[in-house]
Amino acid sequence: MIKYHNDEKDAMKHTFISSSQLQTYELGARLAPFVYAGAVIALSGDLGAGKTTFTGGLAHGLDIQEHVISPTFNIMREYRKGRLPLFHIDAYRLEDGNADIGLEEFVDDGGVSVIEWPQFVNHLIPRHVLSIKISDIGPSSRRLEFETTDERFFQYFTTLERMANL
C-alpha cells in the first residue's frame, strides 16, 4: 500500500508497507539509482526494525559486493567498492549529542551517508536529507515512512507509485 501527499513545506511524504525482509531489502536496492554523491539518508526505527536490511539493499543497488552488517559497535562502516562509496553510520552510541563524527567529511567525500539513530546527531544532519522511519507492524511486516524536501528523491517516489499500481 502506497500513500502520497505533500505538505505546505514542500516536503514529499510517502508510506510503504513491506510484507517481508526481502521487500525491505528491495526498497533499498530500488533507491540506489536515485542517490547521488553527498546524499544523506536518516534511518530511524526500533532495534530489529529493518534499518540494516534496507541499507544492505541500497548497497546491493550500488553494486557493493560486501555483506552489510550493522555498525553498532564500530559507529561507522565504509563500503567503497561500488558505484558510489557508502558510509553506514550508527549514531546510537552517540546519544549524548556531543560527538563529532565528521559527517561533513563523508558528505564531501563523494559518497552516500546512511545514518541510523539520527535523533542522536540531529544537529549534524544537513537540511536536505531523505528521512525514513521504519516501524514493526507484524512478524515480518514493516511500515516505511519516507520524507524529504530533496527534489532529487521525488522520482524514486514516482517510480514506487507506478510499481504499486501495476
N, C-alpha and C. Protein backbone atom coordinates (compact mmCIF):
# COMPACT_ATOMS: atom_id res chain seq x y z
N MET A 1 0.85 -1.17 0.00
CA MET A 1 0.00 0.00 0.00
C MET A 1 0.89 1.24 0.00
N ILE A 2 0.67 2.13 -0.93
CA ILE A 2 1.48 3.34 -1.03
C ILE A 2 0.57 4.55 -0.91
N LYS A 3 0.98 5.51 -0.14
CA LYS A 3 0.23 6.76 0.03
C LYS A 3 1.17 7.91 -0.25
N TYR A 4 0.69 8.92 -0.92
CA TYR A 4 1.50 10.10 -1.21
C TYR A 4 0.75 11.34 -0.76
N HIS A 5 1.47 12.32 -0.30
CA HIS A 5 0.91 13.65 -0.12
C HIS A 5 2.04 14.63 0.10
N ASN A 6 1.76 15.87 -0.21
CA ASN A 6 2.71 16.96 0.03
C ASN A 6 2.14 17.83 1.13
N ASP A 7 3.00 18.37 1.97
CA ASP A 7 2.50 19.36 2.92
C ASP A 7 2.94 20.74 2.43
N GLU A 8 2.55 21.77 3.15
CA GLU A 8 2.83 23.13 2.69
C GLU A 8 4.31 23.50 2.72
N LYS A 9 5.16 22.70 3.32
CA LYS A 9 6.59 22.99 3.37
C LYS A 9 7.33 22.35 2.20
N ASP A 10 6.60 21.89 1.19
CA ASP A 10 7.18 21.26 0.01
C ASP A 10 7.93 19.98 0.33
N ALA A 11 7.57 19.33 1.39
CA ALA A 11 8.16 18.03 1.70
C ALA A 11 7.33 16.95 1.04
N MET A 12 8.00 16.01 0.45
CA MET A 12 7.31 14.85 -0.13
C MET A 12 7.28 13.80 0.95
N LYS A 13 6.11 13.22 1.18
CA LYS A 13 5.96 12.16 2.16
C LYS A 13 5.38 10.94 1.45
N HIS A 14 5.84 9.80 1.87
CA HIS A 14 5.45 8.56 1.23
C HIS A 14 5.47 7.45 2.27
N THR A 15 4.46 6.61 2.25
CA THR A 15 4.42 5.46 3.16
C THR A 15 4.33 4.19 2.34
N PHE A 16 5.12 3.20 2.70
CA PHE A 16 5.11 1.92 2.03
C PHE A 16 5.05 0.83 3.08
N ILE A 17 4.23 -0.17 2.83
CA ILE A 17 4.15 -1.32 3.72
C ILE A 17 4.92 -2.47 3.08
N SER A 18 5.92 -2.96 3.79
CA SER A 18 6.71 -4.10 3.33
C SER A 18 6.21 -5.33 4.07
N SER A 19 5.96 -6.40 3.34
CA SER A 19 5.44 -7.60 3.98
C SER A 19 6.53 -8.64 4.24
N SER A 20 7.79 -8.29 3.91
CA SER A 20 8.87 -9.25 4.16
C SER A 20 10.22 -8.53 4.23
N GLN A 21 11.18 -9.24 4.76
CA GLN A 21 12.55 -8.72 4.80
C GLN A 21 13.05 -8.47 3.39
N LEU A 22 12.71 -9.34 2.46
CA LEU A 22 13.13 -9.20 1.08
C LEU A 22 12.57 -7.92 0.46
N GLN A 23 11.31 -7.60 0.74
CA GLN A 23 10.73 -6.36 0.21
C GLN A 23 11.44 -5.13 0.78
N THR A 24 11.79 -5.17 2.06
CA THR A 24 12.51 -4.05 2.67
C THR A 24 13.87 -3.90 1.99
N TYR A 25 14.54 -5.01 1.76
CA TYR A 25 15.83 -5.02 1.06
C TYR A 25 15.67 -4.44 -0.35
N GLU A 26 14.62 -4.87 -1.05
CA GLU A 26 14.39 -4.40 -2.42
C GLU A 26 14.07 -2.91 -2.47
N LEU A 27 13.38 -2.39 -1.46
CA LEU A 27 13.14 -0.95 -1.42
C LEU A 27 14.46 -0.19 -1.36
N GLY A 28 15.41 -0.70 -0.58
CA GLY A 28 16.73 -0.09 -0.54
C GLY A 28 17.43 -0.18 -1.88
N ALA A 29 17.37 -1.34 -2.51
CA ALA A 29 18.02 -1.53 -3.81
C ALA A 29 17.41 -0.60 -4.87
N ARG A 30 16.10 -0.41 -4.81
CA ARG A 30 15.43 0.46 -5.78
C ARG A 30 15.73 1.94 -5.55
N LEU A 31 16.22 2.27 -4.37
CA LEU A 31 16.62 3.65 -4.10
C LEU A 31 17.96 3.99 -4.76
N ALA A 32 18.81 3.00 -4.94
CA ALA A 32 20.18 3.21 -5.41
C ALA A 32 20.31 4.07 -6.68
N PRO A 33 19.48 3.90 -7.70
CA PRO A 33 19.64 4.74 -8.89
C PRO A 33 19.39 6.22 -8.65
N PHE A 34 18.74 6.55 -7.54
CA PHE A 34 18.36 7.93 -7.27
C PHE A 34 19.28 8.65 -6.28
N VAL A 35 20.19 7.90 -5.64
CA VAL A 35 21.12 8.54 -4.72
C VAL A 35 22.26 9.18 -5.51
N TYR A 36 22.94 10.08 -4.88
CA TYR A 36 23.99 10.86 -5.54
C TYR A 36 25.10 11.13 -4.54
N ALA A 37 26.24 11.51 -5.03
CA ALA A 37 27.37 11.84 -4.16
C ALA A 37 26.95 12.97 -3.23
N GLY A 38 27.08 12.74 -1.94
CA GLY A 38 26.70 13.73 -0.94
C GLY A 38 25.31 13.51 -0.36
N ALA A 39 24.57 12.52 -0.85
CA ALA A 39 23.23 12.24 -0.31
C ALA A 39 23.33 11.74 1.12
N VAL A 40 22.37 12.15 1.93
CA VAL A 40 22.29 11.71 3.32
C VAL A 40 20.91 11.09 3.54
N ILE A 41 20.91 9.89 4.09
CA ILE A 41 19.68 9.17 4.39
C ILE A 41 19.67 8.90 5.89
N ALA A 42 18.63 9.37 6.56
CA ALA A 42 18.49 9.20 8.00
C ALA A 42 17.45 8.10 8.25
N LEU A 43 17.90 6.99 8.85
CA LEU A 43 17.02 5.85 9.12
C LEU A 43 16.72 5.77 10.61
N SER A 44 15.44 5.79 10.94
CA SER A 44 15.08 5.63 12.35
C SER A 44 14.13 4.45 12.49
N GLY A 45 14.13 3.88 13.67
CA GLY A 45 13.29 2.73 13.96
C GLY A 45 13.88 1.96 15.12
N ASP A 46 13.04 1.14 15.73
CA ASP A 46 13.50 0.35 16.88
C ASP A 46 14.54 -0.68 16.46
N LEU A 47 15.19 -1.29 17.45
CA LEU A 47 16.12 -2.38 17.18
C LEU A 47 15.38 -3.49 16.43
N GLY A 48 15.99 -3.99 15.38
CA GLY A 48 15.38 -5.07 14.60
C GLY A 48 14.31 -4.64 13.63
N ALA A 49 14.12 -3.33 13.45
CA ALA A 49 13.06 -2.85 12.56
C ALA A 49 13.37 -3.11 11.09
N GLY A 50 14.65 -3.15 10.72
CA GLY A 50 15.00 -3.37 9.33
C GLY A 50 15.91 -2.31 8.74
N LYS A 51 16.51 -1.49 9.58
CA LYS A 51 17.39 -0.42 9.09
C LYS A 51 18.59 -0.99 8.34
N THR A 52 19.23 -2.00 8.89
CA THR A 52 20.40 -2.58 8.24
C THR A 52 19.99 -3.39 7.01
N THR A 53 18.82 -4.01 7.05
CA THR A 53 18.31 -4.72 5.87
C THR A 53 18.11 -3.74 4.72
N PHE A 54 17.49 -2.61 4.99
CA PHE A 54 17.28 -1.58 3.97
C PHE A 54 18.62 -1.10 3.42
N THR A 55 19.58 -0.85 4.32
CA THR A 55 20.90 -0.38 3.91
C THR A 55 21.61 -1.44 3.06
N GLY A 56 21.44 -2.70 3.40
CA GLY A 56 22.01 -3.78 2.60
C GLY A 56 21.46 -3.78 1.18
N GLY A 57 20.18 -3.52 1.04
CA GLY A 57 19.58 -3.42 -0.29
C GLY A 57 20.13 -2.24 -1.06
N LEU A 58 20.30 -1.10 -0.38
CA LEU A 58 20.89 0.07 -1.02
C LEU A 58 22.30 -0.25 -1.50
N ALA A 59 23.07 -0.91 -0.65
CA ALA A 59 24.44 -1.28 -1.03
C ALA A 59 24.42 -2.19 -2.27
N HIS A 60 23.53 -3.15 -2.27
CA HIS A 60 23.42 -4.05 -3.43
C HIS A 60 23.11 -3.25 -4.69
N GLY A 61 22.19 -2.30 -4.59
CA GLY A 61 21.83 -1.46 -5.72
C GLY A 61 22.98 -0.57 -6.19
N LEU A 62 23.92 -0.30 -5.29
CA LEU A 62 25.11 0.49 -5.63
C LEU A 62 26.25 -0.40 -6.13
N ASP A 63 25.96 -1.67 -6.36
CA ASP A 63 26.95 -2.64 -6.84
C ASP A 63 28.07 -2.91 -5.83
N ILE A 64 27.75 -2.77 -4.56
CA ILE A 64 28.69 -3.10 -3.50
C ILE A 64 28.52 -4.58 -3.21
N GLN A 65 29.60 -5.33 -3.31
CA GLN A 65 29.55 -6.78 -3.16
C GLN A 65 29.69 -7.23 -1.70
N GLU A 66 30.22 -6.36 -0.85
CA GLU A 66 30.42 -6.73 0.56
C GLU A 66 29.07 -6.90 1.26
N HIS A 67 29.03 -7.81 2.22
CA HIS A 67 27.84 -8.00 3.04
C HIS A 67 27.76 -6.85 4.05
N VAL A 68 26.63 -6.16 4.08
CA VAL A 68 26.44 -5.04 5.00
C VAL A 68 26.01 -5.57 6.36
N ILE A 69 26.75 -5.16 7.38
CA ILE A 69 26.38 -5.52 8.75
C ILE A 69 26.23 -4.23 9.56
N SER A 70 25.52 -4.34 10.65
CA SER A 70 25.27 -3.17 11.49
C SER A 70 26.57 -2.61 12.04
N PRO A 71 26.73 -1.30 11.98
CA PRO A 71 27.94 -0.68 12.52
C PRO A 71 27.82 -0.32 14.00
N THR A 72 26.91 -0.96 14.72
CA THR A 72 26.62 -0.60 16.10
C THR A 72 27.87 -0.45 16.97
N PHE A 73 28.76 -1.41 16.93
CA PHE A 73 29.92 -1.37 17.82
C PHE A 73 31.10 -0.61 17.22
N ASN A 74 31.03 -0.31 15.93
CA ASN A 74 32.11 0.42 15.26
C ASN A 74 31.74 1.87 15.01
N ILE A 75 30.51 2.22 15.17
CA ILE A 75 29.91 3.52 14.86
C ILE A 75 29.79 3.73 13.36
N MET A 76 30.81 3.34 12.57
CA MET A 76 30.71 3.52 11.14
C MET A 76 31.41 2.40 10.38
N ARG A 77 30.82 2.04 9.26
CA ARG A 77 31.44 1.11 8.32
C ARG A 77 31.45 1.77 6.95
N GLU A 78 32.56 1.62 6.25
CA GLU A 78 32.70 2.19 4.91
C GLU A 78 32.69 1.06 3.89
N TYR A 79 31.97 1.28 2.81
CA TYR A 79 31.94 0.35 1.68
C TYR A 79 32.28 1.19 0.45
N ARG A 80 33.49 1.04 -0.07
CA ARG A 80 33.97 1.92 -1.14
C ARG A 80 34.00 1.28 -2.53
N LYS A 81 33.73 -0.01 -2.61
CA LYS A 81 33.84 -0.69 -3.91
C LYS A 81 32.47 -0.85 -4.54
N GLY A 82 31.94 0.23 -5.09
CA GLY A 82 30.65 0.23 -5.76
C GLY A 82 30.53 1.48 -6.62
N ARG A 83 29.35 1.71 -7.14
CA ARG A 83 29.12 2.89 -7.98
C ARG A 83 29.42 4.18 -7.21
N LEU A 84 29.06 4.20 -5.95
CA LEU A 84 29.36 5.30 -5.03
C LEU A 84 29.79 4.68 -3.70
N PRO A 85 30.69 5.34 -2.97
CA PRO A 85 31.00 4.84 -1.62
C PRO A 85 29.76 4.95 -0.73
N LEU A 86 29.64 4.03 0.20
CA LEU A 86 28.55 4.04 1.16
C LEU A 86 29.15 4.13 2.56
N PHE A 87 28.70 5.13 3.32
CA PHE A 87 29.14 5.32 4.69
C PHE A 87 27.94 5.00 5.58
N HIS A 88 28.01 3.89 6.31
CA HIS A 88 26.91 3.41 7.14
C HIS A 88 27.24 3.75 8.59
N ILE A 89 26.52 4.69 9.13
CA ILE A 89 26.80 5.25 10.46
C ILE A 89 25.70 4.86 11.43
N ASP A 90 26.08 4.40 12.61
CA ASP A 90 25.14 4.09 13.67
C ASP A 90 25.41 5.07 14.81
N ALA A 91 24.51 6.00 15.00
CA ALA A 91 24.71 7.06 16.00
C ALA A 91 24.16 6.70 17.37
N TYR A 92 23.72 5.46 17.56
CA TYR A 92 23.11 5.06 18.83
C TYR A 92 24.02 5.33 20.02
N ARG A 93 25.29 5.05 19.89
CA ARG A 93 26.23 5.24 21.00
C ARG A 93 26.68 6.69 21.15
N LEU A 94 26.13 7.57 20.32
CA LEU A 94 26.48 8.99 20.38
C LEU A 94 25.33 9.79 20.99
N GLU A 95 24.54 9.12 21.83
CA GLU A 95 23.33 9.74 22.34
C GLU A 95 23.55 10.99 23.18
N ASP A 96 24.77 11.25 23.64
CA ASP A 96 25.00 12.49 24.39
C ASP A 96 25.00 13.71 23.46
N GLY A 97 25.06 13.46 22.14
CA GLY A 97 24.96 14.54 21.17
C GLY A 97 26.19 15.39 21.03
N ASN A 98 27.22 15.14 21.80
CA ASN A 98 28.41 15.98 21.75
C ASN A 98 29.50 15.43 20.84
N ALA A 99 29.30 14.24 20.32
CA ALA A 99 30.33 13.63 19.48
C ALA A 99 30.34 14.25 18.09
N ASP A 100 31.50 14.46 17.58
CA ASP A 100 31.67 14.93 16.21
C ASP A 100 32.15 13.74 15.39
N ILE A 101 31.28 13.24 14.53
CA ILE A 101 31.63 12.06 13.74
C ILE A 101 32.22 12.42 12.39
N GLY A 102 32.39 13.72 12.13
CA GLY A 102 32.98 14.15 10.86
C GLY A 102 32.04 13.95 9.69
N LEU A 103 30.73 14.07 9.93
CA LEU A 103 29.75 13.83 8.87
C LEU A 103 30.02 14.69 7.64
N GLU A 104 30.41 15.92 7.86
CA GLU A 104 30.68 16.82 6.72
C GLU A 104 31.74 16.23 5.81
N GLU A 105 32.74 15.60 6.39
CA GLU A 105 33.81 14.99 5.59
C GLU A 105 33.28 13.86 4.72
N PHE A 106 32.35 13.07 5.25
CA PHE A 106 31.81 11.97 4.46
C PHE A 106 30.91 12.50 3.36
N VAL A 107 30.10 13.51 3.67
CA VAL A 107 29.24 14.11 2.66
C VAL A 107 30.08 14.70 1.53
N ASP A 108 31.19 15.31 1.89
CA ASP A 108 32.09 15.91 0.89
C ASP A 108 32.97 14.88 0.20
N ASP A 109 32.97 13.63 0.66
CA ASP A 109 33.85 12.60 0.11
C ASP A 109 33.23 11.89 -1.10
N GLY A 110 32.11 12.37 -1.58
CA GLY A 110 31.52 11.82 -2.79
C GLY A 110 30.75 10.54 -2.62
N GLY A 111 30.31 10.25 -1.41
CA GLY A 111 29.56 9.02 -1.17
C GLY A 111 28.16 9.29 -0.66
N VAL A 112 27.50 8.22 -0.29
CA VAL A 112 26.16 8.26 0.29
C VAL A 112 26.30 7.93 1.77
N SER A 113 25.75 8.77 2.63
CA SER A 113 25.81 8.54 4.08
C SER A 113 24.45 8.07 4.57
N VAL A 114 24.42 6.91 5.20
CA VAL A 114 23.21 6.38 5.81
C VAL A 114 23.43 6.43 7.32
N ILE A 115 22.55 7.13 8.01
CA ILE A 115 22.71 7.32 9.45
C ILE A 115 21.55 6.66 10.19
N GLU A 116 21.88 5.63 10.96
CA GLU A 116 20.89 5.01 11.83
C GLU A 116 20.88 5.77 13.16
N TRP A 117 19.72 5.87 13.77
CA TRP A 117 19.53 6.60 15.02
C TRP A 117 19.89 8.08 14.85
N PRO A 118 19.36 8.75 13.83
CA PRO A 118 19.75 10.14 13.53
C PRO A 118 19.35 11.14 14.61
N GLN A 119 18.40 10.78 15.46
CA GLN A 119 17.97 11.71 16.51
C GLN A 119 19.11 12.06 17.46
N PHE A 120 20.15 11.23 17.52
CA PHE A 120 21.26 11.50 18.43
C PHE A 120 22.29 12.45 17.83
N VAL A 121 22.18 12.72 16.53
CA VAL A 121 23.12 13.64 15.87
C VAL A 121 22.37 14.61 14.96
N ASN A 122 21.14 14.94 15.34
CA ASN A 122 20.30 15.82 14.53
C ASN A 122 21.01 17.10 14.12
N HIS A 123 21.80 17.66 15.00
CA HIS A 123 22.48 18.92 14.73
C HIS A 123 23.54 18.79 13.64
N LEU A 124 23.92 17.57 13.28
CA LEU A 124 24.94 17.35 12.25
C LEU A 124 24.34 17.03 10.89
N ILE A 125 23.05 16.76 10.84
CA ILE A 125 22.41 16.32 9.61
C ILE A 125 22.03 17.52 8.75
N PRO A 126 22.39 17.48 7.47
CA PRO A 126 22.07 18.61 6.58
C PRO A 126 20.57 18.77 6.37
N ARG A 127 20.19 19.91 5.86
CA ARG A 127 18.78 20.24 5.67
C ARG A 127 18.10 19.30 4.67
N HIS A 128 18.75 19.04 3.55
CA HIS A 128 18.17 18.17 2.53
C HIS A 128 18.61 16.74 2.79
N VAL A 129 17.73 16.01 3.41
CA VAL A 129 18.01 14.63 3.80
C VAL A 129 16.78 13.80 3.44
N LEU A 130 16.99 12.55 3.15
CA LEU A 130 15.88 11.63 2.99
C LEU A 130 15.72 10.93 4.34
N SER A 131 14.62 11.20 5.02
CA SER A 131 14.35 10.57 6.32
C SER A 131 13.42 9.38 6.11
N ILE A 132 13.78 8.27 6.72
CA ILE A 132 12.97 7.06 6.61
C ILE A 132 12.77 6.50 8.01
N LYS A 133 11.51 6.40 8.42
CA LYS A 133 11.18 5.81 9.71
C LYS A 133 10.59 4.43 9.45
N ILE A 134 11.20 3.41 10.05
CA ILE A 134 10.75 2.03 9.86
C ILE A 134 10.09 1.55 11.15
N SER A 135 8.86 1.09 11.02
CA SER A 135 8.10 0.61 12.18
C SER A 135 7.70 -0.84 11.97
N ASP A 136 7.82 -1.63 13.02
CA ASP A 136 7.41 -3.03 13.03
C ASP A 136 5.90 -3.06 13.18
N ILE A 137 5.20 -3.69 12.23
CA ILE A 137 3.73 -3.77 12.32
C ILE A 137 3.25 -5.23 12.27
N GLY A 138 4.17 -6.16 12.42
CA GLY A 138 3.81 -7.57 12.40
C GLY A 138 5.06 -8.42 12.37
N PRO A 139 4.92 -9.72 12.40
CA PRO A 139 6.09 -10.60 12.45
C PRO A 139 7.13 -10.31 11.36
N SER A 140 6.68 -10.05 10.15
CA SER A 140 7.64 -9.74 9.08
C SER A 140 7.23 -8.49 8.30
N SER A 141 6.23 -7.78 8.78
CA SER A 141 5.74 -6.58 8.09
C SER A 141 6.30 -5.31 8.72
N ARG A 142 6.61 -4.36 7.85
CA ARG A 142 7.16 -3.08 8.29
C ARG A 142 6.46 -1.93 7.56
N ARG A 143 6.30 -0.83 8.27
CA ARG A 143 5.84 0.42 7.66
C ARG A 143 7.07 1.30 7.49
N LEU A 144 7.30 1.75 6.26
CA LEU A 144 8.42 2.65 5.97
C LEU A 144 7.84 3.99 5.58
N GLU A 145 8.14 5.01 6.38
CA GLU A 145 7.63 6.36 6.13
C GLU A 145 8.79 7.22 5.65
N PHE A 146 8.70 7.65 4.41
CA PHE A 146 9.73 8.47 3.77
C PHE A 146 9.31 9.92 3.83
N GLU A 147 10.29 10.81 4.03
CA GLU A 147 10.02 12.24 3.97
C GLU A 147 11.28 12.96 3.51
N THR A 148 11.11 13.88 2.58
CA THR A 148 12.24 14.66 2.10
C THR A 148 11.78 15.95 1.45
N THR A 149 12.65 16.92 1.45
CA THR A 149 12.46 18.14 0.65
C THR A 149 13.43 18.14 -0.52
N ASP A 150 14.23 17.10 -0.63
CA ASP A 150 15.24 16.99 -1.69
C ASP A 150 14.56 16.48 -2.96
N GLU A 151 14.38 17.35 -3.92
CA GLU A 151 13.67 17.00 -5.14
C GLU A 151 14.32 15.87 -5.91
N ARG A 152 15.60 15.61 -5.66
CA ARG A 152 16.28 14.53 -6.37
C ARG A 152 15.71 13.16 -6.00
N PHE A 153 15.02 13.07 -4.88
CA PHE A 153 14.41 11.80 -4.48
C PHE A 153 12.96 11.66 -4.93
N PHE A 154 12.36 12.74 -5.43
CA PHE A 154 10.95 12.68 -5.81
C PHE A 154 10.70 11.63 -6.88
N GLN A 155 11.64 11.45 -7.81
CA GLN A 155 11.47 10.45 -8.87
C GLN A 155 11.40 9.04 -8.30
N TYR A 156 12.11 8.80 -7.21
CA TYR A 156 12.05 7.50 -6.54
C TYR A 156 10.61 7.20 -6.11
N PHE A 157 9.96 8.20 -5.52
CA PHE A 157 8.58 8.01 -5.08
C PHE A 157 7.65 7.76 -6.27
N THR A 158 7.85 8.49 -7.34
CA THR A 158 7.05 8.31 -8.54
C THR A 158 7.22 6.90 -9.10
N THR A 159 8.45 6.41 -9.09
CA THR A 159 8.72 5.05 -9.56
C THR A 159 8.01 4.02 -8.69
N LEU A 160 8.07 4.19 -7.37
CA LEU A 160 7.39 3.26 -6.47
C LEU A 160 5.88 3.30 -6.68
N GLU A 161 5.36 4.48 -6.91
CA GLU A 161 3.93 4.61 -7.13
C GLU A 161 3.51 3.86 -8.39
N ARG A 162 4.28 3.99 -9.47
CA ARG A 162 3.96 3.28 -10.70
C ARG A 162 4.01 1.77 -10.48
N MET A 163 5.01 1.30 -9.75
CA MET A 163 5.14 -0.14 -9.49
C MET A 163 3.96 -0.66 -8.66
N ALA A 164 3.48 0.14 -7.73
CA ALA A 164 2.38 -0.27 -6.86
C ALA A 164 1.06 -0.36 -7.63
N ASN A 165 0.95 0.41 -8.70
CA ASN A 165 -0.28 0.43 -9.48
C ASN A 165 -0.31 -0.62 -10.59
N LEU A 166 0.74 -1.42 -10.70
CA LEU A 166 0.76 -2.47 -11.74
C LEU A 166 -0.16 -3.61 -11.38
